[in-house]
Amino acid sequence: IEKSEVVGIYGPNGSGKSTLLKIVSGFEKPTCGTVIFEGRDITNEKPYKIARMGILYSFQIPRLFTNLSVLDNLSLGLIRELGKFKAYEESLKMLSELDLENLASKKAGELSQGEMKLLEVLKVLISKPKLLLLDEPFASLDSENVKKMLKILLKQRYTMVITAHRMKILKRIASRCLEIREGKIAKYEKIR
């Protein structure tokens, strides 16, 4: 995958899309093969070490601190590096750029399912990953939140691998798409 490239992976439930992302991020180990990142074999690395290398995984089911605000959820990953004030400043800037500043003080547990998905993706984007793995970011989103998610992702210049059930939505963002069936690549298509 080239730097700043977006690759889409689609296929039916149980085809291996999520498993592939979990293998790359270290949450699961492959039965065969290796994972190479920036010329280094990371197949047996722990997930936290892989995350420190800049590979961040956005879960299909949002993992949020529901008792904390949207702003707190976004800032948590930045506080150690930037300090609390700068972390909040960066988080507010991101929300503002995406016209989501109205959510800043809302508790994550009070968000709609679609807003929770958006926040899950924003949490990994704000850390400026080298490789972003997005597992089904469009699943169960209404059309309005699909538009917001696309807007968020199209604004980024990160290297991304995005999974979805259907290729149609991936074609709007990816440069190439792979169809996975039963753990194998069934189809490859260059989009742009």
N, C-alpha and C. Protein backbone atom coordinates (compact mmCIF):
# COMPACT_ATOMS: atom_id res chain seq x y z
N ILE A 1 0.86 -1.17 0.00
CA ILE A 1 0.00 0.00 0.00
C ILE A 1 0.90 1.23 0.00
N GLU A 2 0.63 2.14 -0.91
CA GLU A 2 1.42 3.36 -1.01
C GLU A 2 1.01 4.36 0.08
N LYS A 3 1.93 5.28 0.40
CA LYS A 3 1.63 6.32 1.38
C LYS A 3 0.46 7.17 0.87
N SER A 4 -0.47 7.48 1.75
CA SER A 4 -1.67 8.28 1.46
C SER A 4 -2.69 7.57 0.57
N GLU A 5 -2.48 6.30 0.30
CA GLU A 5 -3.43 5.54 -0.51
C GLU A 5 -4.56 5.02 0.37
N VAL A 6 -5.74 4.91 -0.22
CA VAL A 6 -6.89 4.33 0.47
C VAL A 6 -7.27 3.05 -0.28
N VAL A 7 -7.24 1.94 0.45
CA VAL A 7 -7.60 0.64 -0.13
C VAL A 7 -8.89 0.17 0.52
N GLY A 8 -9.84 -0.22 -0.28
CA GLY A 8 -11.11 -0.74 0.22
C GLY A 8 -11.15 -2.25 0.15
N ILE A 9 -11.68 -2.86 1.18
CA ILE A 9 -11.85 -4.32 1.22
C ILE A 9 -13.32 -4.60 1.49
N TYR A 10 -13.94 -5.38 0.62
CA TYR A 10 -15.36 -5.67 0.80
C TYR A 10 -15.61 -7.16 0.66
N GLY A 11 -16.76 -7.57 1.15
CA GLY A 11 -17.16 -8.97 1.08
C GLY A 11 -18.25 -9.23 2.10
N PRO A 12 -18.86 -10.40 2.02
CA PRO A 12 -19.96 -10.73 2.93
C PRO A 12 -19.48 -10.95 4.37
N ASN A 13 -20.42 -11.02 5.29
CA ASN A 13 -20.10 -11.35 6.68
C ASN A 13 -19.32 -12.66 6.72
N GLY A 14 -18.31 -12.71 7.58
CA GLY A 14 -17.54 -13.93 7.75
C GLY A 14 -16.52 -14.21 6.67
N SER A 15 -16.29 -13.25 5.77
CA SER A 15 -15.35 -13.49 4.67
C SER A 15 -13.89 -13.30 5.07
N GLY A 16 -13.64 -12.60 6.18
CA GLY A 16 -12.27 -12.40 6.63
C GLY A 16 -11.80 -10.96 6.66
N LYS A 17 -12.69 -10.02 6.38
CA LYS A 17 -12.31 -8.60 6.34
C LYS A 17 -11.79 -8.13 7.70
N SER A 18 -12.59 -8.31 8.73
CA SER A 18 -12.20 -7.86 10.07
C SER A 18 -11.00 -8.64 10.58
N THR A 19 -10.94 -9.92 10.29
CA THR A 19 -9.81 -10.74 10.72
C THR A 19 -8.51 -10.20 10.13
N LEU A 20 -8.53 -9.81 8.86
CA LEU A 20 -7.34 -9.25 8.22
C LEU A 20 -6.87 -8.00 8.96
N LEU A 21 -7.79 -7.09 9.28
CA LEU A 21 -7.41 -5.87 10.00
C LEU A 21 -6.88 -6.19 11.39
N LYS A 22 -7.49 -7.17 12.05
CA LYS A 22 -7.03 -7.56 13.39
C LYS A 22 -5.64 -8.18 13.34
N ILE A 23 -5.33 -8.89 12.27
CA ILE A 23 -3.99 -9.46 12.11
C ILE A 23 -2.97 -8.34 11.91
N VAL A 24 -3.27 -7.39 11.03
CA VAL A 24 -2.35 -6.28 10.78
C VAL A 24 -2.11 -5.47 12.05
N SER A 25 -3.14 -5.29 12.86
CA SER A 25 -3.02 -4.48 14.08
C SER A 25 -2.54 -5.28 15.30
N GLY A 26 -2.32 -6.59 15.13
CA GLY A 26 -1.77 -7.40 16.20
C GLY A 26 -2.77 -8.01 17.16
N PHE A 27 -4.06 -7.78 16.94
CA PHE A 27 -5.08 -8.33 17.83
C PHE A 27 -5.32 -9.82 17.59
N GLU A 28 -4.94 -10.30 16.41
CA GLU A 28 -5.00 -11.73 16.10
C GLU A 28 -3.72 -12.11 15.38
N LYS A 29 -3.35 -13.37 15.48
CA LYS A 29 -2.15 -13.88 14.81
C LYS A 29 -2.57 -14.68 13.58
N PRO A 30 -1.81 -14.55 12.49
CA PRO A 30 -2.15 -15.30 11.27
C PRO A 30 -1.79 -16.77 11.41
N THR A 31 -2.48 -17.61 10.65
CA THR A 31 -2.14 -19.03 10.63
C THR A 31 -0.96 -19.28 9.70
N CYS A 32 -0.75 -18.34 8.76
CA CYS A 32 0.42 -18.42 7.88
C CYS A 32 0.69 -17.02 7.35
N GLY A 33 1.87 -16.82 6.79
CA GLY A 33 2.23 -15.53 6.22
C GLY A 33 2.82 -14.58 7.24
N THR A 34 3.20 -13.40 6.76
CA THR A 34 3.80 -12.38 7.62
C THR A 34 3.18 -11.02 7.33
N VAL A 35 3.29 -10.14 8.31
CA VAL A 35 2.84 -8.76 8.16
C VAL A 35 4.09 -7.89 8.16
N ILE A 36 4.31 -7.17 7.07
CA ILE A 36 5.48 -6.31 6.94
C ILE A 36 5.01 -4.86 6.92
N PHE A 37 5.61 -4.04 7.78
CA PHE A 37 5.28 -2.61 7.83
C PHE A 37 6.59 -1.82 7.83
N GLU A 38 6.74 -0.94 6.86
CA GLU A 38 7.95 -0.14 6.70
C GLU A 38 9.20 -1.02 6.71
N GLY A 39 9.11 -2.15 6.00
CA GLY A 39 10.24 -3.06 5.86
C GLY A 39 10.51 -3.96 7.05
N ARG A 40 9.67 -3.93 8.04
CA ARG A 40 9.89 -4.69 9.28
C ARG A 40 8.77 -5.72 9.47
N ASP A 41 9.15 -6.92 9.88
CA ASP A 41 8.18 -7.97 10.17
C ASP A 41 7.54 -7.67 11.53
N ILE A 42 6.23 -7.41 11.52
CA ILE A 42 5.52 -7.08 12.77
C ILE A 42 4.51 -8.17 13.14
N THR A 43 4.61 -9.32 12.50
CA THR A 43 3.64 -10.40 12.68
C THR A 43 3.42 -10.77 14.14
N ASN A 44 4.48 -10.81 14.93
CA ASN A 44 4.37 -11.27 16.31
C ASN A 44 4.42 -10.14 17.34
N GLU A 45 4.30 -8.91 16.89
CA GLU A 45 4.31 -7.77 17.81
C GLU A 45 2.98 -7.67 18.55
N LYS A 46 3.03 -7.11 19.73
CA LYS A 46 1.83 -6.86 20.53
C LYS A 46 1.07 -5.67 19.94
N PRO A 47 -0.26 -5.63 20.12
CA PRO A 47 -1.05 -4.51 19.57
C PRO A 47 -0.57 -3.13 20.02
N TYR A 48 -0.15 -2.98 21.28
CA TYR A 48 0.28 -1.66 21.74
C TYR A 48 1.57 -1.22 21.04
N LYS A 49 2.46 -2.17 20.72
CA LYS A 49 3.69 -1.83 20.00
C LYS A 49 3.38 -1.44 18.56
N ILE A 50 2.44 -2.15 17.96
CA ILE A 50 2.02 -1.84 16.59
C ILE A 50 1.38 -0.45 16.56
N ALA A 51 0.57 -0.14 17.56
CA ALA A 51 -0.05 1.19 17.65
C ALA A 51 1.02 2.27 17.78
N ARG A 52 2.06 2.01 18.56
CA ARG A 52 3.15 2.99 18.71
C ARG A 52 3.91 3.21 17.41
N MET A 53 3.89 2.21 16.53
CA MET A 53 4.51 2.35 15.21
C MET A 53 3.67 3.23 14.29
N GLY A 54 2.42 3.49 14.68
CA GLY A 54 1.55 4.34 13.87
C GLY A 54 0.45 3.62 13.15
N ILE A 55 0.24 2.33 13.45
CA ILE A 55 -0.87 1.58 12.85
C ILE A 55 -2.01 1.60 13.86
N LEU A 56 -3.08 2.29 13.51
CA LEU A 56 -4.21 2.42 14.43
C LEU A 56 -5.45 1.75 13.85
N TYR A 57 -6.18 1.08 14.72
CA TYR A 57 -7.34 0.28 14.34
C TYR A 57 -8.59 0.90 14.95
N SER A 58 -9.56 1.17 14.10
CA SER A 58 -10.86 1.67 14.55
C SER A 58 -11.84 0.51 14.53
N PHE A 59 -12.35 0.18 15.70
CA PHE A 59 -13.19 -0.99 15.86
C PHE A 59 -14.56 -0.82 15.20
N GLN A 60 -15.12 -1.93 14.76
CA GLN A 60 -16.45 -1.94 14.16
C GLN A 60 -17.50 -1.49 15.17
N ILE A 61 -17.36 -1.93 16.40
CA ILE A 61 -18.24 -1.48 17.48
C ILE A 61 -17.47 -0.45 18.29
N PRO A 62 -17.94 0.80 18.33
CA PRO A 62 -17.20 1.87 19.01
C PRO A 62 -16.82 1.52 20.45
N ARG A 63 -15.59 1.85 20.79
CA ARG A 63 -15.08 1.65 22.15
C ARG A 63 -14.81 3.04 22.72
N LEU A 64 -15.82 3.55 23.38
CA LEU A 64 -15.76 4.92 23.90
C LEU A 64 -15.88 4.92 25.41
N PHE A 65 -15.42 6.00 26.02
CA PHE A 65 -15.67 6.23 27.44
C PHE A 65 -17.00 6.97 27.50
N THR A 66 -18.08 6.21 27.71
CA THR A 66 -19.43 6.76 27.58
C THR A 66 -19.76 7.81 28.64
N ASN A 67 -19.06 7.80 29.77
CA ASN A 67 -19.32 8.79 30.82
C ASN A 67 -18.53 10.08 30.61
N LEU A 68 -17.65 10.10 29.60
CA LEU A 68 -16.87 11.30 29.30
C LEU A 68 -17.45 12.02 28.09
N SER A 69 -17.12 13.29 27.97
CA SER A 69 -17.59 14.08 26.83
C SER A 69 -16.88 13.66 25.55
N VAL A 70 -17.43 14.09 24.44
CA VAL A 70 -16.80 13.87 23.14
C VAL A 70 -15.40 14.48 23.14
N LEU A 71 -15.29 15.69 23.67
CA LEU A 71 -13.99 16.37 23.73
C LEU A 71 -12.99 15.57 24.56
N ASP A 72 -13.41 15.05 25.69
CA ASP A 72 -12.52 14.23 26.53
C ASP A 72 -12.10 12.96 25.80
N ASN A 73 -13.04 12.30 25.14
CA ASN A 73 -12.72 11.08 24.38
C ASN A 73 -11.67 11.36 23.31
N LEU A 74 -11.81 12.47 22.61
CA LEU A 74 -10.85 12.82 21.56
C LEU A 74 -9.49 13.19 22.14
N SER A 75 -9.49 13.90 23.24
CA SER A 75 -8.25 14.44 23.82
C SER A 75 -7.39 13.40 24.53
N LEU A 76 -8.01 12.35 25.04
CA LEU A 76 -7.28 11.37 25.85
C LEU A 76 -6.00 10.84 25.20
N GLY A 77 -6.07 10.53 23.93
CA GLY A 77 -4.90 9.98 23.24
C GLY A 77 -3.80 10.98 22.99
N LEU A 78 -4.08 12.26 23.18
CA LEU A 78 -3.09 13.30 22.90
C LEU A 78 -2.47 13.92 24.15
N ILE A 79 -3.11 13.75 25.30
CA ILE A 79 -2.69 14.47 26.52
C ILE A 79 -1.25 14.16 26.89
N ARG A 80 -0.84 12.90 26.84
CA ARG A 80 0.53 12.54 27.24
C ARG A 80 1.56 13.25 26.37
N GLU A 81 1.29 13.34 25.08
CA GLU A 81 2.23 13.95 24.14
C GLU A 81 2.16 15.47 24.14
N LEU A 82 0.96 16.03 24.20
CA LEU A 82 0.78 17.48 24.02
C LEU A 82 0.48 18.25 25.29
N GLY A 83 0.05 17.57 26.33
CA GLY A 83 -0.44 18.27 27.51
C GLY A 83 -1.93 18.53 27.34
N LYS A 84 -2.61 18.75 28.46
CA LYS A 84 -4.07 18.84 28.45
C LYS A 84 -4.59 20.00 27.60
N PHE A 85 -4.03 21.20 27.77
CA PHE A 85 -4.53 22.37 27.06
C PHE A 85 -4.40 22.19 25.54
N LYS A 86 -3.22 21.80 25.08
CA LYS A 86 -2.99 21.64 23.64
C LYS A 86 -3.83 20.49 23.07
N ALA A 87 -4.01 19.42 23.87
CA ALA A 87 -4.83 18.29 23.43
C ALA A 87 -6.27 18.73 23.21
N TYR A 88 -6.80 19.52 24.15
CA TYR A 88 -8.16 20.04 24.00
C TYR A 88 -8.25 20.97 22.80
N GLU A 89 -7.23 21.80 22.63
CA GLU A 89 -7.20 22.74 21.51
C GLU A 89 -7.25 21.99 20.17
N GLU A 90 -6.42 20.96 20.03
CA GLU A 90 -6.39 20.15 18.80
C GLU A 90 -7.73 19.44 18.57
N SER A 91 -8.31 18.93 19.63
CA SER A 91 -9.59 18.23 19.53
C SER A 91 -10.71 19.17 19.10
N LEU A 92 -10.75 20.35 19.70
CA LEU A 92 -11.75 21.35 19.31
C LEU A 92 -11.57 21.79 17.86
N LYS A 93 -10.31 21.93 17.45
CA LYS A 93 -10.01 22.32 16.07
C LYS A 93 -10.56 21.27 15.10
N MET A 94 -10.33 20.00 15.41
CA MET A 94 -10.83 18.93 14.54
C MET A 94 -12.35 18.95 14.47
N LEU A 95 -13.00 19.06 15.61
CA LEU A 95 -14.47 19.11 15.63
C LEU A 95 -14.99 20.29 14.83
N SER A 96 -14.33 21.43 14.97
CA SER A 96 -14.74 22.64 14.26
C SER A 96 -14.58 22.47 12.75
N GLU A 97 -13.44 21.92 12.32
CA GLU A 97 -13.19 21.72 10.89
C GLU A 97 -14.25 20.82 10.25
N LEU A 98 -14.83 19.94 11.05
CA LEU A 98 -15.80 18.99 10.53
C LEU A 98 -17.24 19.38 10.87
N ASP A 99 -17.41 20.62 11.35
CA ASP A 99 -18.73 21.13 11.73
C ASP A 99 -19.41 20.24 12.78
N LEU A 100 -18.62 19.74 13.71
CA LEU A 100 -19.15 18.88 14.77
C LEU A 100 -18.93 19.47 16.16
N GLU A 101 -18.57 20.76 16.23
CA GLU A 101 -18.27 21.37 17.53
C GLU A 101 -19.46 21.35 18.48
N ASN A 102 -20.67 21.23 17.93
CA ASN A 102 -21.87 21.16 18.78
C ASN A 102 -21.89 19.88 19.63
N LEU A 103 -21.05 18.90 19.30
CA LEU A 103 -21.00 17.65 20.06
C LEU A 103 -19.96 17.67 21.18
N ALA A 104 -19.11 18.68 21.22
CA ALA A 104 -17.95 18.70 22.12
C ALA A 104 -18.27 18.39 23.57
N SER A 105 -19.30 19.00 24.12
CA SER A 105 -19.59 18.83 25.55
C SER A 105 -20.58 17.69 25.83
N LYS A 106 -21.10 17.10 24.79
CA LYS A 106 -22.06 16.01 24.95
C LYS A 106 -21.33 14.74 25.44
N LYS A 107 -21.94 14.03 26.36
CA LYS A 107 -21.35 12.76 26.83
C LYS A 107 -21.43 11.73 25.70
N ALA A 108 -20.37 10.96 25.55
CA ALA A 108 -20.32 9.96 24.47
C ALA A 108 -21.49 8.98 24.56
N GLY A 109 -21.92 8.66 25.77
CA GLY A 109 -23.03 7.74 25.97
C GLY A 109 -24.37 8.29 25.53
N GLU A 110 -24.45 9.60 25.30
CA GLU A 110 -25.69 10.25 24.87
C GLU A 110 -25.76 10.40 23.35
N LEU A 111 -24.71 10.00 22.65
CA LEU A 111 -24.67 10.14 21.20
C LEU A 111 -25.53 9.09 20.53
N SER A 112 -25.98 9.40 19.32
CA SER A 112 -26.67 8.39 18.51
C SER A 112 -25.64 7.34 18.08
N GLN A 113 -26.10 6.21 17.59
CA GLN A 113 -25.19 5.16 17.11
C GLN A 113 -24.27 5.71 16.03
N GLY A 114 -24.82 6.50 15.11
CA GLY A 114 -24.02 7.09 14.04
C GLY A 114 -22.97 8.04 14.55
N GLU A 115 -23.34 8.88 15.52
CA GLU A 115 -22.38 9.82 16.11
C GLU A 115 -21.28 9.08 16.86
N MET A 116 -21.63 7.95 17.49
CA MET A 116 -20.61 7.14 18.18
C MET A 116 -19.60 6.60 17.18
N LYS A 117 -20.08 6.16 16.01
CA LYS A 117 -19.18 5.66 14.97
C LYS A 117 -18.25 6.77 14.49
N LEU A 118 -18.81 7.98 14.30
CA LEU A 118 -17.99 9.11 13.89
C LEU A 118 -16.90 9.39 14.92
N LEU A 119 -17.28 9.39 16.19
CA LEU A 119 -16.32 9.65 17.27
C LEU A 119 -15.24 8.57 17.31
N GLU A 120 -15.61 7.32 17.12
CA GLU A 120 -14.62 6.23 17.10
C GLU A 120 -13.56 6.48 16.03
N VAL A 121 -13.99 6.91 14.85
CA VAL A 121 -13.05 7.20 13.76
C VAL A 121 -12.23 8.44 14.07
N LEU A 122 -12.86 9.47 14.60
CA LEU A 122 -12.13 10.70 14.95
C LEU A 122 -11.04 10.42 15.99
N LYS A 123 -11.32 9.52 16.93
CA LYS A 123 -10.33 9.17 17.97
C LYS A 123 -9.03 8.67 17.36
N VAL A 124 -9.10 7.90 16.30
CA VAL A 124 -7.86 7.41 15.69
C VAL A 124 -7.28 8.43 14.71
N LEU A 125 -8.12 9.19 14.05
CA LEU A 125 -7.62 10.20 13.11
C LEU A 125 -6.81 11.29 13.81
N ILE A 126 -7.24 11.69 14.99
CA ILE A 126 -6.59 12.80 15.68
C ILE A 126 -5.15 12.46 16.08
N SER A 127 -4.85 11.17 16.15
CA SER A 127 -3.50 10.73 16.51
C SER A 127 -2.55 10.72 15.31
N LYS A 128 -3.04 11.10 14.15
CA LYS A 128 -2.25 11.18 12.92
C LYS A 128 -1.50 9.88 12.62
N PRO A 129 -2.23 8.82 12.36
CA PRO A 129 -1.61 7.51 12.13
C PRO A 129 -0.84 7.43 10.82
N LYS A 130 0.11 6.52 10.78
CA LYS A 130 0.81 6.22 9.52
C LYS A 130 -0.07 5.31 8.67
N LEU A 131 -0.80 4.41 9.33
CA LEU A 131 -1.72 3.51 8.65
C LEU A 131 -2.98 3.40 9.50
N LEU A 132 -4.10 3.71 8.90
CA LEU A 132 -5.38 3.67 9.61
C LEU A 132 -6.21 2.51 9.09
N LEU A 133 -6.62 1.65 10.00
CA LEU A 133 -7.44 0.48 9.67
C LEU A 133 -8.85 0.73 10.17
N LEU A 134 -9.79 0.89 9.26
CA LEU A 134 -11.18 1.21 9.61
C LEU A 134 -12.07 0.01 9.31
N ASP A 135 -12.59 -0.58 10.37
CA ASP A 135 -13.43 -1.77 10.23
C ASP A 135 -14.91 -1.38 10.17
N GLU A 136 -15.47 -1.48 8.98
CA GLU A 136 -16.90 -1.20 8.75
C GLU A 136 -17.34 0.17 9.28
N PRO A 137 -16.65 1.26 8.91
CA PRO A 137 -17.05 2.56 9.45
C PRO A 137 -18.43 3.03 8.99
N PHE A 138 -18.95 2.47 7.90
CA PHE A 138 -20.25 2.89 7.37
C PHE A 138 -21.41 2.01 7.83
N ALA A 139 -21.09 0.91 8.52
CA ALA A 139 -22.13 -0.04 8.94
C ALA A 139 -23.12 0.63 9.87
N SER A 140 -24.37 0.39 9.64
CA SER A 140 -25.51 0.89 10.43
C SER A 140 -25.58 2.42 10.54
N LEU A 141 -24.99 3.13 9.59
CA LEU A 141 -25.13 4.59 9.56
C LEU A 141 -26.28 4.98 8.65
N ASP A 142 -27.04 6.00 9.05
CA ASP A 142 -28.06 6.53 8.16
C ASP A 142 -27.37 7.37 7.09
N SER A 143 -28.11 7.79 6.08
CA SER A 143 -27.51 8.50 4.94
C SER A 143 -26.82 9.79 5.36
N GLU A 144 -27.34 10.48 6.35
CA GLU A 144 -26.73 11.73 6.82
C GLU A 144 -25.36 11.46 7.45
N ASN A 145 -25.27 10.42 8.27
CA ASN A 145 -23.99 10.10 8.90
C ASN A 145 -23.01 9.45 7.92
N VAL A 146 -23.50 8.78 6.88
CA VAL A 146 -22.61 8.29 5.82
C VAL A 146 -21.95 9.48 5.15
N LYS A 147 -22.73 10.53 4.87
CA LYS A 147 -22.17 11.74 4.26
C LYS A 147 -21.12 12.37 5.16
N LYS A 148 -21.41 12.45 6.47
CA LYS A 148 -20.44 13.02 7.41
C LYS A 148 -19.17 12.18 7.46
N MET A 149 -19.33 10.85 7.49
CA MET A 149 -18.17 9.96 7.54
C MET A 149 -17.32 10.12 6.28
N LEU A 150 -17.96 10.16 5.12
CA LEU A 150 -17.23 10.37 3.87
C LEU A 150 -16.49 11.70 3.88
N LYS A 151 -17.15 12.74 4.37
CA LYS A 151 -16.52 14.06 4.45
C LYS A 151 -15.27 14.00 5.33
N ILE A 152 -15.39 13.34 6.46
CA ILE A 152 -14.26 13.20 7.38
C ILE A 152 -13.10 12.47 6.70
N LEU A 153 -13.40 11.34 6.08
CA LEU A 153 -12.35 10.52 5.49
C LEU A 153 -11.73 11.16 4.26
N LEU A 154 -12.54 11.83 3.44
CA LEU A 154 -12.02 12.47 2.24
C LEU A 154 -11.11 13.65 2.56
N LYS A 155 -11.28 14.26 3.73
CA LYS A 155 -10.42 15.38 4.15
C LYS A 155 -9.03 14.93 4.56
N GLN A 156 -8.89 13.66 4.88
CA GLN A 156 -7.63 13.15 5.42
C GLN A 156 -6.65 12.80 4.30
N ARG A 157 -5.39 12.79 4.66
CA ARG A 157 -4.35 12.38 3.72
C ARG A 157 -3.55 11.22 4.32
N TYR A 158 -4.24 10.35 5.01
CA TYR A 158 -3.59 9.22 5.65
C TYR A 158 -3.71 7.97 4.78
N THR A 159 -2.81 7.05 5.00
CA THR A 159 -2.90 5.74 4.37
C THR A 159 -3.98 4.98 5.13
N MET A 160 -4.95 4.45 4.39
CA MET A 160 -6.08 3.79 5.05
C MET A 160 -6.45 2.48 4.36
N VAL A 161 -6.90 1.55 5.18
CA VAL A 161 -7.55 0.33 4.70
C VAL A 161 -8.93 0.34 5.34
N ILE A 162 -9.96 0.32 4.49
CA ILE A 162 -11.34 0.43 4.96
C ILE A 162 -12.12 -0.80 4.52
N THR A 163 -12.84 -1.41 5.46
CA THR A 163 -13.68 -2.55 5.10
C THR A 163 -15.15 -2.12 5.02
N ALA A 164 -15.89 -2.83 4.18
CA ALA A 164 -17.33 -2.60 4.03
C ALA A 164 -17.95 -3.86 3.43
N HIS A 165 -19.27 -3.94 3.50
CA HIS A 165 -19.96 -5.09 2.90
C HIS A 165 -20.06 -4.94 1.39
N ARG A 166 -20.20 -3.69 0.93
CA ARG A 166 -20.40 -3.46 -0.50
C ARG A 166 -19.32 -2.52 -1.04
N MET A 167 -18.96 -2.75 -2.30
CA MET A 167 -17.93 -1.94 -2.94
C MET A 167 -18.43 -0.54 -3.28
N LYS A 168 -19.71 -0.37 -3.49
CA LYS A 168 -20.26 0.91 -3.96
C LYS A 168 -19.76 2.10 -3.14
N ILE A 169 -19.84 2.01 -1.83
CA ILE A 169 -19.43 3.13 -0.99
C ILE A 169 -17.91 3.29 -0.98
N LEU A 170 -17.18 2.18 -1.09
CA LEU A 170 -15.72 2.25 -1.10
C LEU A 170 -15.20 2.93 -2.36
N LYS A 171 -15.92 2.79 -3.47
CA LYS A 171 -15.50 3.42 -4.73
C LYS A 171 -15.44 4.94 -4.61
N ARG A 172 -16.18 5.50 -3.66
CA ARG A 172 -16.19 6.96 -3.49
C ARG A 172 -14.94 7.47 -2.81
N ILE A 173 -14.15 6.57 -2.22
CA ILE A 173 -13.00 7.01 -1.44
C ILE A 173 -11.71 6.26 -1.77
N ALA A 174 -11.81 5.00 -2.17
CA ALA A 174 -10.62 4.16 -2.37
C ALA A 174 -10.02 4.29 -3.76
N SER A 175 -8.71 4.06 -3.85
CA SER A 175 -8.05 4.04 -5.16
C SER A 175 -8.08 2.64 -5.76
N ARG A 176 -8.24 1.64 -4.89
CA ARG A 176 -8.42 0.27 -5.37
C ARG A 176 -9.20 -0.52 -4.33
N CYS A 177 -9.87 -1.56 -4.81
CA CYS A 177 -10.71 -2.37 -3.93
C CYS A 177 -10.40 -3.85 -4.13
N LEU A 178 -10.49 -4.58 -3.02
CA LEU A 178 -10.31 -6.02 -3.03
C LEU A 178 -11.57 -6.66 -2.49
N GLU A 179 -12.04 -7.69 -3.18
CA GLU A 179 -13.15 -8.46 -2.64
C GLU A 179 -12.57 -9.69 -1.96
N ILE A 180 -13.01 -9.94 -0.73
CA ILE A 180 -12.55 -11.12 0.01
C ILE A 180 -13.72 -12.08 0.18
N ARG A 181 -13.45 -13.34 -0.12
CA ARG A 181 -14.43 -14.42 0.10
C ARG A 181 -13.69 -15.60 0.71
N GLU A 182 -14.22 -16.06 1.83
CA GLU A 182 -13.64 -17.21 2.54
C GLU A 182 -12.15 -17.03 2.80
N GLY A 183 -11.77 -15.81 3.19
CA GLY A 183 -10.38 -15.54 3.56
C GLY A 183 -9.41 -15.36 2.41
N LYS A 184 -9.91 -15.32 1.18
CA LYS A 184 -9.03 -15.19 0.02
C LYS A 184 -9.49 -14.02 -0.86
N ILE A 185 -8.55 -13.43 -1.57
CA ILE A 185 -8.89 -12.35 -2.50
C ILE A 185 -9.61 -12.97 -3.70
N ALA A 186 -10.85 -12.57 -3.90
CA ALA A 186 -11.66 -13.09 -4.99
C ALA A 186 -11.64 -12.16 -6.20
N LYS A 187 -11.39 -10.87 -5.95
CA LYS A 187 -11.44 -9.89 -7.03
C LYS A 187 -10.60 -8.69 -6.64
N TYR A 188 -9.94 -8.09 -7.64
CA TYR A 188 -9.14 -6.89 -7.43
C TYR A 188 -9.57 -5.87 -8.47
N GLU A 189 -9.80 -4.64 -8.04
CA GLU A 189 -10.22 -3.61 -8.99
C GLU A 189 -9.53 -2.29 -8.68
N LYS A 190 -8.87 -1.73 -9.69
CA LYS A 190 -8.25 -0.41 -9.55
C LYS A 190 -9.33 0.62 -9.88
N ILE A 191 -9.55 1.58 -8.98
CA ILE A 191 -10.61 2.57 -9.15
C ILE A 191 -10.07 3.83 -9.83
N ARG A 192 -8.95 4.33 -9.38
CA ARG A 192 -8.33 5.52 -9.97
C ARG A 192 -6.83 5.33 -10.08
